[in-house]
Amino acid sequence: MPAARGKDILGEVAKQHRSRFLEYLIAQISKAYPELYAYVMQGQRVTAQFSVVLGQTYRQQTAILNFAKLIEKIETDYRHHIIWASDAERFQTLVLGIRARFIEEVIDLDKSNRYATNLQNRILRGFQALVSLDQLDAKRNELLQNLNPCESGSVVEPKAAPDGRAGIDEAVPEDGNKQ
């Protein structure tokens, strides 16, 4: 029995301290918890007191009971927010998991695959065009070398054709003497 009596005394002391703490807290609420103060005082006159507004809203016998009703209302109205805030890391992990699932779905979409295939095809066509240009350039250089009837050291002079067009008639050595 003595142990039970000790627990009863401790319970009474805890209630008294809680009561004193809540009375102190209610007096200092605007500084300690400005968001809560703004929530309760929303739409009230500037000169209104926190404890009076609580009394008018919840109509309990003491300010502590009014405050308890306020806490109860907040816990029911914002239940999900409080659960979220109680273990933010766990819920952040959930959010990241959901986000990752949506990203995977977006990556797997047919539209994304079509865009990726289209990009790969354009890159491939670009490389093919570059190879074709290189091949054409090589053929042009080869043809220019094959078309030049001059031997090394001779320069081709254009000669006017009988109809007035310019043409190449014969190769003239660099010293200017025709052969």
N, C-alpha and C. Protein backbone atom coordinates (compact mmCIF):
# COMPACT_ATOMS: atom_id res chain seq x y z
N MET A 1 0.79 -1.20 0.00
CA MET A 1 0.00 0.00 0.00
C MET A 1 0.83 1.27 0.00
N PRO A 2 1.99 1.28 0.71
CA PRO A 2 2.77 2.51 0.74
C PRO A 2 3.22 2.93 -0.67
N ALA A 3 3.51 1.96 -1.55
CA ALA A 3 3.95 2.30 -2.90
C ALA A 3 2.83 2.98 -3.68
N ALA A 4 1.60 2.51 -3.48
CA ALA A 4 0.47 3.10 -4.17
C ALA A 4 0.24 4.52 -3.69
N ARG A 5 0.41 4.75 -2.37
CA ARG A 5 0.23 6.10 -1.81
C ARG A 5 1.29 7.04 -2.37
N GLY A 6 2.52 6.55 -2.54
CA GLY A 6 3.59 7.37 -3.11
C GLY A 6 3.28 7.79 -4.54
N LYS A 7 2.69 6.86 -5.30
CA LYS A 7 2.32 7.18 -6.69
C LYS A 7 1.21 8.22 -6.72
N ASP A 8 0.26 8.11 -5.76
CA ASP A 8 -0.83 9.09 -5.68
C ASP A 8 -0.28 10.49 -5.40
N ILE A 9 0.68 10.55 -4.47
CA ILE A 9 1.28 11.84 -4.12
C ILE A 9 2.02 12.41 -5.32
N LEU A 10 2.76 11.56 -6.02
CA LEU A 10 3.48 12.01 -7.21
C LEU A 10 2.51 12.50 -8.28
N GLY A 11 1.39 11.82 -8.42
CA GLY A 11 0.39 12.24 -9.39
C GLY A 11 -0.17 13.60 -9.05
N GLU A 12 -0.44 13.85 -7.75
CA GLU A 12 -0.96 15.15 -7.31
C GLU A 12 0.07 16.25 -7.56
N VAL A 13 1.33 15.98 -7.25
CA VAL A 13 2.38 16.97 -7.47
C VAL A 13 2.50 17.28 -8.95
N ALA A 14 2.43 16.24 -9.79
CA ALA A 14 2.53 16.45 -11.24
C ALA A 14 1.37 17.30 -11.74
N LYS A 15 0.16 17.06 -11.24
CA LYS A 15 -1.00 17.86 -11.64
C LYS A 15 -0.85 19.32 -11.22
N GLN A 16 -0.32 19.55 -10.00
CA GLN A 16 -0.12 20.92 -9.53
C GLN A 16 0.91 21.64 -10.40
N HIS A 17 2.01 20.96 -10.70
CA HIS A 17 3.04 21.59 -11.55
C HIS A 17 2.51 21.85 -12.95
N ARG A 18 1.71 20.90 -13.43
CA ARG A 18 1.11 21.08 -14.75
C ARG A 18 0.18 22.30 -14.74
N SER A 19 -0.59 22.40 -13.69
CA SER A 19 -1.52 23.53 -13.57
C SER A 19 -0.76 24.85 -13.51
N ARG A 20 0.29 24.91 -12.69
CA ARG A 20 1.09 26.14 -12.59
C ARG A 20 1.78 26.46 -13.92
N PHE A 21 2.31 25.40 -14.54
CA PHE A 21 2.99 25.61 -15.82
C PHE A 21 2.02 26.14 -16.87
N LEU A 22 0.84 25.55 -16.95
CA LEU A 22 -0.13 26.00 -17.94
C LEU A 22 -0.59 27.42 -17.68
N GLU A 23 -0.75 27.79 -16.39
CA GLU A 23 -1.12 29.17 -16.07
C GLU A 23 -0.03 30.12 -16.52
N TYR A 24 1.22 29.76 -16.28
CA TYR A 24 2.35 30.57 -16.72
C TYR A 24 2.39 30.63 -18.25
N LEU A 25 2.18 29.47 -18.87
CA LEU A 25 2.23 29.38 -20.33
C LEU A 25 1.14 30.24 -20.97
N ILE A 26 -0.05 30.19 -20.41
CA ILE A 26 -1.15 30.99 -20.96
C ILE A 26 -0.83 32.48 -20.86
N ALA A 27 -0.17 32.86 -19.79
CA ALA A 27 0.20 34.27 -19.64
C ALA A 27 1.27 34.68 -20.65
N GLN A 28 2.13 33.77 -21.04
CA GLN A 28 3.25 34.07 -21.93
C GLN A 28 3.07 33.49 -23.34
N ILE A 29 1.88 33.10 -23.69
CA ILE A 29 1.63 32.39 -24.95
C ILE A 29 2.01 33.17 -26.19
N SER A 30 1.80 34.48 -26.18
CA SER A 30 2.10 35.27 -27.38
C SER A 30 3.59 35.27 -27.70
N LYS A 31 4.44 35.15 -26.68
CA LYS A 31 5.89 35.13 -26.91
C LYS A 31 6.39 33.71 -27.14
N ALA A 32 5.85 32.75 -26.38
CA ALA A 32 6.34 31.38 -26.47
C ALA A 32 5.85 30.67 -27.73
N TYR A 33 4.58 30.88 -28.10
CA TYR A 33 4.00 30.21 -29.26
C TYR A 33 3.18 31.21 -30.09
N PRO A 34 3.85 32.03 -30.87
CA PRO A 34 3.14 33.08 -31.61
C PRO A 34 2.12 32.53 -32.63
N GLU A 35 2.38 31.35 -33.23
CA GLU A 35 1.44 30.78 -34.19
C GLU A 35 0.15 30.35 -33.50
N LEU A 36 0.28 29.74 -32.33
CA LEU A 36 -0.89 29.33 -31.56
C LEU A 36 -1.68 30.56 -31.11
N TYR A 37 -0.97 31.57 -30.67
CA TYR A 37 -1.62 32.81 -30.25
C TYR A 37 -2.40 33.42 -31.42
N ALA A 38 -1.79 33.46 -32.58
CA ALA A 38 -2.46 34.02 -33.77
C ALA A 38 -3.67 33.18 -34.16
N TYR A 39 -3.57 31.85 -34.01
CA TYR A 39 -4.68 30.96 -34.33
C TYR A 39 -5.89 31.25 -33.43
N VAL A 40 -5.65 31.40 -32.13
CA VAL A 40 -6.75 31.64 -31.19
C VAL A 40 -7.29 33.06 -31.34
N MET A 41 -6.42 34.02 -31.53
CA MET A 41 -6.82 35.43 -31.53
C MET A 41 -7.30 35.93 -32.90
N GLN A 42 -7.33 35.05 -33.87
CA GLN A 42 -7.75 35.43 -35.22
C GLN A 42 -9.18 36.01 -35.18
N GLY A 43 -9.33 37.22 -35.69
CA GLY A 43 -10.63 37.87 -35.75
C GLY A 43 -11.03 38.58 -34.46
N GLN A 44 -10.14 38.61 -33.48
CA GLN A 44 -10.44 39.27 -32.20
C GLN A 44 -9.87 40.68 -32.20
N ARG A 45 -10.37 41.49 -31.28
CA ARG A 45 -9.82 42.84 -31.13
C ARG A 45 -8.38 42.77 -30.64
N VAL A 46 -7.65 43.81 -30.92
CA VAL A 46 -6.24 43.86 -30.53
C VAL A 46 -6.10 43.86 -29.01
N THR A 47 -7.05 44.45 -28.31
CA THR A 47 -6.96 44.56 -26.85
C THR A 47 -7.47 43.31 -26.13
N ALA A 48 -7.99 42.31 -26.85
CA ALA A 48 -8.53 41.10 -26.22
C ALA A 48 -7.40 40.29 -25.59
N GLN A 49 -7.73 39.62 -24.49
CA GLN A 49 -6.75 38.79 -23.80
C GLN A 49 -6.94 37.33 -24.21
N PHE A 50 -5.85 36.61 -24.27
CA PHE A 50 -5.85 35.22 -24.70
C PHE A 50 -6.78 34.37 -23.84
N SER A 51 -6.66 34.47 -22.52
CA SER A 51 -7.47 33.64 -21.62
C SER A 51 -8.96 33.98 -21.74
N VAL A 52 -9.29 35.26 -21.97
CA VAL A 52 -10.69 35.66 -22.12
C VAL A 52 -11.27 35.08 -23.41
N VAL A 53 -10.49 35.14 -24.49
CA VAL A 53 -10.95 34.58 -25.77
C VAL A 53 -11.15 33.07 -25.63
N LEU A 54 -10.23 32.38 -24.95
CA LEU A 54 -10.39 30.95 -24.72
C LEU A 54 -11.68 30.68 -23.94
N GLY A 55 -11.93 31.48 -22.90
CA GLY A 55 -13.13 31.32 -22.08
C GLY A 55 -14.40 31.52 -22.90
N GLN A 56 -14.40 32.52 -23.78
CA GLN A 56 -15.58 32.78 -24.61
C GLN A 56 -15.78 31.67 -25.65
N THR A 57 -14.69 31.11 -26.13
CA THR A 57 -14.79 30.10 -27.18
C THR A 57 -15.20 28.74 -26.62
N TYR A 58 -14.56 28.28 -25.51
CA TYR A 58 -14.75 26.92 -25.03
C TYR A 58 -15.64 26.82 -23.78
N ARG A 59 -15.89 27.90 -23.08
CA ARG A 59 -16.82 28.00 -21.95
C ARG A 59 -16.60 26.94 -20.88
N GLN A 60 -15.35 26.75 -20.50
CA GLN A 60 -15.02 25.84 -19.40
C GLN A 60 -14.83 26.67 -18.12
N GLN A 61 -14.70 25.99 -16.96
CA GLN A 61 -14.64 26.67 -15.67
C GLN A 61 -13.32 27.40 -15.44
N THR A 62 -12.21 26.83 -15.94
CA THR A 62 -10.91 27.46 -15.72
C THR A 62 -10.19 27.64 -17.06
N ALA A 63 -9.17 28.49 -17.00
CA ALA A 63 -8.35 28.72 -18.20
C ALA A 63 -7.64 27.45 -18.63
N ILE A 64 -7.25 26.62 -17.66
CA ILE A 64 -6.54 25.39 -17.98
C ILE A 64 -7.46 24.43 -18.73
N LEU A 65 -8.72 24.34 -18.31
CA LEU A 65 -9.68 23.48 -19.02
C LEU A 65 -9.97 24.01 -20.42
N ASN A 66 -10.04 25.34 -20.54
CA ASN A 66 -10.22 25.95 -21.87
C ASN A 66 -9.03 25.62 -22.76
N PHE A 67 -7.83 25.71 -22.18
CA PHE A 67 -6.61 25.40 -22.94
C PHE A 67 -6.61 23.93 -23.35
N ALA A 68 -7.07 23.04 -22.45
CA ALA A 68 -7.14 21.61 -22.77
C ALA A 68 -8.12 21.37 -23.92
N LYS A 69 -9.24 22.08 -23.93
CA LYS A 69 -10.21 21.96 -25.02
C LYS A 69 -9.60 22.45 -26.34
N LEU A 70 -8.82 23.53 -26.26
CA LEU A 70 -8.14 24.05 -27.45
C LEU A 70 -7.19 22.99 -28.01
N ILE A 71 -6.39 22.39 -27.14
CA ILE A 71 -5.45 21.35 -27.57
C ILE A 71 -6.21 20.17 -28.18
N GLU A 72 -7.32 19.78 -27.57
CA GLU A 72 -8.14 18.69 -28.08
C GLU A 72 -8.68 19.02 -29.48
N LYS A 73 -9.14 20.25 -29.65
CA LYS A 73 -9.66 20.68 -30.96
C LYS A 73 -8.57 20.66 -32.02
N ILE A 74 -7.40 21.15 -31.66
CA ILE A 74 -6.28 21.15 -32.61
C ILE A 74 -5.89 19.72 -32.97
N GLU A 75 -5.86 18.83 -31.97
CA GLU A 75 -5.50 17.44 -32.23
C GLU A 75 -6.50 16.74 -33.15
N THR A 76 -7.78 17.10 -33.05
CA THR A 76 -8.77 16.47 -33.94
C THR A 76 -8.79 17.14 -35.32
N ASP A 77 -8.69 18.47 -35.36
CA ASP A 77 -8.74 19.17 -36.64
C ASP A 77 -7.49 18.96 -37.48
N TYR A 78 -6.35 18.83 -36.83
CA TYR A 78 -5.07 18.73 -37.55
C TYR A 78 -4.37 17.41 -37.23
N ARG A 79 -5.16 16.34 -37.15
CA ARG A 79 -4.64 15.04 -36.75
C ARG A 79 -3.50 14.58 -37.67
N HIS A 80 -3.71 14.68 -38.96
CA HIS A 80 -2.70 14.20 -39.92
C HIS A 80 -1.44 15.06 -39.87
N HIS A 81 -1.59 16.34 -39.67
CA HIS A 81 -0.43 17.21 -39.57
C HIS A 81 0.41 16.85 -38.34
N ILE A 82 -0.27 16.56 -37.25
CA ILE A 82 0.45 16.22 -36.01
C ILE A 82 1.15 14.88 -36.16
N ILE A 83 0.49 13.91 -36.79
CA ILE A 83 1.14 12.61 -37.02
C ILE A 83 2.38 12.81 -37.88
N TRP A 84 2.25 13.62 -38.92
CA TRP A 84 3.38 13.90 -39.81
C TRP A 84 4.53 14.53 -39.04
N ALA A 85 4.21 15.51 -38.22
CA ALA A 85 5.26 16.22 -37.48
C ALA A 85 5.89 15.36 -36.40
N SER A 86 5.18 14.35 -35.91
CA SER A 86 5.73 13.54 -34.83
C SER A 86 6.88 12.65 -35.29
N ASP A 87 6.89 12.25 -36.56
CA ASP A 87 7.98 11.44 -37.09
C ASP A 87 8.28 11.88 -38.52
N ALA A 88 8.85 13.04 -38.62
CA ALA A 88 9.07 13.66 -39.94
C ALA A 88 9.99 12.82 -40.82
N GLU A 89 10.99 12.19 -40.24
CA GLU A 89 11.94 11.42 -41.04
C GLU A 89 11.26 10.24 -41.72
N ARG A 90 10.39 9.56 -40.98
CA ARG A 90 9.66 8.42 -41.54
C ARG A 90 8.79 8.86 -42.71
N PHE A 91 8.08 9.94 -42.52
CA PHE A 91 7.19 10.40 -43.57
C PHE A 91 7.96 11.00 -44.74
N GLN A 92 9.12 11.58 -44.49
CA GLN A 92 9.94 12.07 -45.59
C GLN A 92 10.42 10.90 -46.44
N THR A 93 10.71 9.78 -45.79
CA THR A 93 11.09 8.57 -46.52
C THR A 93 9.94 8.11 -47.41
N LEU A 94 8.71 8.17 -46.89
CA LEU A 94 7.54 7.82 -47.70
C LEU A 94 7.40 8.73 -48.90
N VAL A 95 7.58 10.02 -48.69
CA VAL A 95 7.45 10.99 -49.78
C VAL A 95 8.51 10.71 -50.85
N LEU A 96 9.73 10.43 -50.42
CA LEU A 96 10.79 10.14 -51.39
C LEU A 96 10.49 8.86 -52.17
N GLY A 97 9.91 7.86 -51.48
CA GLY A 97 9.53 6.63 -52.16
C GLY A 97 8.45 6.86 -53.21
N ILE A 98 7.45 7.64 -52.85
CA ILE A 98 6.38 7.96 -53.80
C ILE A 98 6.93 8.74 -54.98
N ARG A 99 7.81 9.69 -54.69
CA ARG A 99 8.43 10.49 -55.75
C ARG A 99 9.23 9.59 -56.70
N ALA A 100 10.00 8.65 -56.13
CA ALA A 100 10.80 7.74 -56.96
C ALA A 100 9.90 6.88 -57.84
N ARG A 101 8.76 6.42 -57.29
CA ARG A 101 7.83 5.62 -58.08
C ARG A 101 7.29 6.42 -59.26
N PHE A 102 6.93 7.67 -59.04
CA PHE A 102 6.43 8.51 -60.13
C PHE A 102 7.51 8.78 -61.17
N ILE A 103 8.74 8.97 -60.73
CA ILE A 103 9.83 9.19 -61.68
C ILE A 103 10.02 7.96 -62.55
N GLU A 104 9.96 6.76 -61.94
CA GLU A 104 10.08 5.53 -62.72
C GLU A 104 8.95 5.42 -63.74
N GLU A 105 7.74 5.78 -63.33
CA GLU A 105 6.62 5.73 -64.26
C GLU A 105 6.82 6.69 -65.42
N VAL A 106 7.33 7.88 -65.14
CA VAL A 106 7.56 8.85 -66.20
C VAL A 106 8.64 8.36 -67.15
N ILE A 107 9.68 7.75 -66.61
CA ILE A 107 10.76 7.24 -67.45
C ILE A 107 10.25 6.12 -68.35
N ASP A 108 9.35 5.30 -67.86
CA ASP A 108 8.85 4.16 -68.63
C ASP A 108 7.74 4.52 -69.61
N LEU A 109 7.31 5.71 -69.64
CA LEU A 109 6.23 6.07 -70.54
C LEU A 109 6.64 5.90 -71.99
N ASP A 110 5.68 5.52 -72.83
CA ASP A 110 5.95 5.35 -74.26
C ASP A 110 6.44 6.64 -74.89
N LYS A 111 5.89 7.75 -74.44
CA LYS A 111 6.29 9.04 -75.00
C LYS A 111 7.77 9.30 -74.76
N SER A 112 8.24 8.99 -73.56
CA SER A 112 9.66 9.18 -73.27
C SER A 112 10.52 8.27 -74.13
N ASN A 113 10.07 7.05 -74.33
CA ASN A 113 10.81 6.11 -75.18
C ASN A 113 10.85 6.61 -76.62
N ARG A 114 9.73 7.15 -77.09
CA ARG A 114 9.72 7.70 -78.46
C ARG A 114 10.69 8.85 -78.59
N TYR A 115 10.71 9.74 -77.58
CA TYR A 115 11.64 10.87 -77.62
C TYR A 115 13.08 10.38 -77.62
N ALA A 116 13.38 9.38 -76.81
CA ALA A 116 14.75 8.86 -76.75
C ALA A 116 15.13 8.22 -78.08
N THR A 117 14.22 7.45 -78.68
CA THR A 117 14.49 6.82 -79.97
C THR A 117 14.67 7.86 -81.06
N ASN A 118 13.83 8.88 -81.04
CA ASN A 118 13.94 9.97 -82.01
C ASN A 118 15.30 10.66 -81.90
N LEU A 119 15.73 10.91 -80.68
CA LEU A 119 17.04 11.55 -80.47
C LEU A 119 18.17 10.66 -80.98
N GLN A 120 18.10 9.36 -80.68
CA GLN A 120 19.13 8.45 -81.16
C GLN A 120 19.16 8.40 -82.68
N ASN A 121 17.99 8.39 -83.31
CA ASN A 121 17.94 8.37 -84.78
C ASN A 121 18.53 9.65 -85.37
N ARG A 122 18.26 10.78 -84.76
CA ARG A 122 18.83 12.03 -85.27
C ARG A 122 20.34 12.04 -85.13
N ILE A 123 20.84 11.55 -84.02
CA ILE A 123 22.30 11.49 -83.83
C ILE A 123 22.91 10.56 -84.88
N LEU A 124 22.29 9.41 -85.11
CA LEU A 124 22.80 8.46 -86.10
C LEU A 124 22.79 9.08 -87.49
N ARG A 125 21.69 9.76 -87.86
CA ARG A 125 21.64 10.43 -89.17
C ARG A 125 22.69 11.52 -89.28
N GLY A 126 22.96 12.22 -88.21
CA GLY A 126 24.00 13.25 -88.23
C GLY A 126 25.37 12.65 -88.49
N PHE A 127 25.68 11.52 -87.84
CA PHE A 127 26.96 10.86 -88.08
C PHE A 127 27.04 10.33 -89.51
N GLN A 128 25.94 9.78 -90.02
CA GLN A 128 25.92 9.30 -91.40
C GLN A 128 26.15 10.45 -92.38
N ALA A 129 25.56 11.60 -92.10
CA ALA A 129 25.77 12.75 -92.98
C ALA A 129 27.22 13.20 -92.94
N LEU A 130 27.85 13.19 -91.78
CA LEU A 130 29.27 13.56 -91.68
C LEU A 130 30.15 12.58 -92.46
N VAL A 131 29.86 11.28 -92.36
CA VAL A 131 30.62 10.28 -93.11
C VAL A 131 30.43 10.50 -94.61
N SER A 132 29.21 10.77 -95.03
CA SER A 132 28.94 11.02 -96.45
C SER A 132 29.70 12.25 -96.94
N LEU A 133 29.71 13.30 -96.15
CA LEU A 133 30.46 14.51 -96.53
C LEU A 133 31.94 14.22 -96.66
N ASP A 134 32.49 13.43 -95.74
CA ASP A 134 33.90 13.06 -95.82
C ASP A 134 34.18 12.26 -97.09
N GLN A 135 33.28 11.32 -97.40
CA GLN A 135 33.46 10.51 -98.60
C GLN A 135 33.36 11.38 -99.87
N LEU A 136 32.40 12.29 -99.91
CA LEU A 136 32.27 13.18 -101.07
C LEU A 136 33.50 14.07 -101.22
N ASP A 137 34.02 14.55 -100.10
CA ASP A 137 35.21 15.39 -100.14
C ASP A 137 36.40 14.59 -100.66
N ALA A 138 36.53 13.36 -100.24
CA ALA A 138 37.64 12.51 -100.72
C ALA A 138 37.50 12.24 -102.21
N LYS A 139 36.27 11.95 -102.69
CA LYS A 139 36.05 11.70 -104.13
C LYS A 139 36.33 12.95 -104.94
N ARG A 140 35.91 14.11 -104.42
CA ARG A 140 36.15 15.37 -105.14
C ARG A 140 37.65 15.60 -105.29
N ASN A 141 38.40 15.40 -104.22
CA ASN A 141 39.85 15.59 -104.30
C ASN A 141 40.48 14.60 -105.28
N GLU A 142 40.01 13.36 -105.28
CA GLU A 142 40.53 12.34 -106.20
C GLU A 142 40.21 12.71 -107.65
N LEU A 143 38.98 13.16 -107.89
CA LEU A 143 38.60 13.57 -109.24
C LEU A 143 39.41 14.76 -109.71
N LEU A 144 39.66 15.72 -108.83
CA LEU A 144 40.46 16.88 -109.22
C LEU A 144 41.88 16.46 -109.59
N GLN A 145 42.41 15.50 -108.90
CA GLN A 145 43.76 15.04 -109.23
C GLN A 145 43.77 14.27 -110.55
N ASN A 146 42.72 13.49 -110.79
CA ASN A 146 42.63 12.70 -112.03
C ASN A 146 42.33 13.58 -113.25
N LEU A 147 41.58 14.66 -113.07
CA LEU A 147 41.23 15.52 -114.18
C LEU A 147 42.37 16.43 -114.59
N ASN A 148 43.29 16.70 -113.73
CA ASN A 148 44.39 17.60 -114.04
C ASN A 148 45.36 16.88 -114.98
N PRO A 149 45.38 17.25 -116.28
CA PRO A 149 46.24 16.57 -117.26
C PRO A 149 47.69 17.02 -117.17
N CYS A 150 47.99 17.92 -116.32
CA CYS A 150 49.33 18.48 -116.23
C CYS A 150 50.27 17.52 -115.55
N GLU A 151 51.48 17.60 -115.98
CA GLU A 151 52.53 16.88 -115.28
C GLU A 151 53.02 17.79 -114.17
N SER A 152 53.78 17.25 -113.30
CA SER A 152 54.24 18.09 -112.21
C SER A 152 55.10 19.19 -112.76
N GLY A 153 54.96 20.38 -112.26
CA GLY A 153 55.72 21.53 -112.69
C GLY A 153 55.05 22.31 -113.79
N SER A 154 53.92 21.89 -114.33
CA SER A 154 53.25 22.64 -115.38
C SER A 154 51.96 23.24 -114.85
N VAL A 155 51.57 24.36 -115.42
CA VAL A 155 50.38 25.08 -115.01
C VAL A 155 49.41 25.08 -116.17
N VAL A 156 48.15 24.90 -115.89
CA VAL A 156 47.14 24.89 -116.94
C VAL A 156 46.67 26.32 -117.14
N GLU A 157 46.76 26.80 -118.42
CA GLU A 157 46.30 28.14 -118.73
C GLU A 157 44.97 28.04 -119.44
N PRO A 158 44.01 28.81 -119.02
CA PRO A 158 42.74 28.79 -119.74
C PRO A 158 42.89 29.51 -121.09
N LYS A 159 42.25 28.99 -122.09
CA LYS A 159 42.31 29.57 -123.42
C LYS A 159 40.88 29.80 -123.87
N ALA A 160 40.67 30.86 -124.55
CA ALA A 160 39.32 31.16 -125.02
C ALA A 160 38.97 30.23 -126.15
N ALA A 161 37.77 29.68 -126.09
CA ALA A 161 37.27 28.80 -127.13
C ALA A 161 36.79 29.65 -128.30
N PRO A 162 36.62 29.05 -129.48
CA PRO A 162 36.17 29.83 -130.64
C PRO A 162 34.81 30.48 -130.42
N ASP A 163 33.97 29.89 -129.58
CA ASP A 163 32.67 30.51 -129.35
C ASP A 163 32.71 31.56 -128.24
N GLY A 164 33.89 31.86 -127.67
CA GLY A 164 34.05 32.91 -126.67
C GLY A 164 34.07 32.41 -125.24
N ARG A 165 33.85 31.12 -125.05
CA ARG A 165 33.90 30.58 -123.69
C ARG A 165 35.33 30.26 -123.33
N ALA A 166 35.61 30.36 -122.02
CA ALA A 166 36.95 30.03 -121.56
C ALA A 166 37.08 28.52 -121.48
N GLY A 167 38.25 27.99 -121.76
CA GLY A 167 38.46 26.56 -121.69
C GLY A 167 39.92 26.25 -121.45
N ILE A 168 40.22 25.00 -121.27
CA ILE A 168 41.59 24.56 -121.06
C ILE A 168 42.03 23.84 -122.33
N ASP A 169 43.10 24.36 -122.95
CA ASP A 169 43.51 23.77 -124.22
C ASP A 169 44.75 22.92 -124.06
N GLU A 170 45.72 23.44 -123.39
CA GLU A 170 46.95 22.68 -123.25
C GLU A 170 47.70 23.11 -122.00
N ALA A 171 48.59 22.29 -121.58
CA ALA A 171 49.38 22.58 -120.40
C ALA A 171 50.62 23.36 -120.81
N VAL A 172 50.95 24.38 -120.01
CA VAL A 172 52.11 25.20 -120.28
C VAL A 172 53.05 25.07 -119.09
N PRO A 173 54.32 24.76 -119.35
CA PRO A 173 55.26 24.66 -118.22
C PRO A 173 55.39 26.01 -117.52
N GLU A 174 55.93 25.97 -116.30
CA GLU A 174 56.03 27.19 -115.47
C GLU A 174 56.95 28.23 -116.10
N ASP A 175 57.87 27.82 -116.93
CA ASP A 175 58.77 28.81 -117.53
C ASP A 175 58.09 29.58 -118.65
N GLY A 176 56.87 29.15 -119.03
CA GLY A 176 56.09 29.87 -120.01
C GLY A 176 56.29 29.39 -121.43
N ASN A 177 57.19 28.50 -121.73
CA ASN A 177 57.43 27.97 -123.08
C ASN A 177 56.52 26.79 -123.34
N LYS A 178 55.83 26.84 -124.44
CA LYS A 178 54.94 25.75 -124.81
C LYS A 178 55.78 24.64 -125.40
N GLN A 179 55.35 23.46 -125.26
CA GLN A 179 56.09 22.30 -125.76
C GLN A 179 55.69 21.93 -127.13
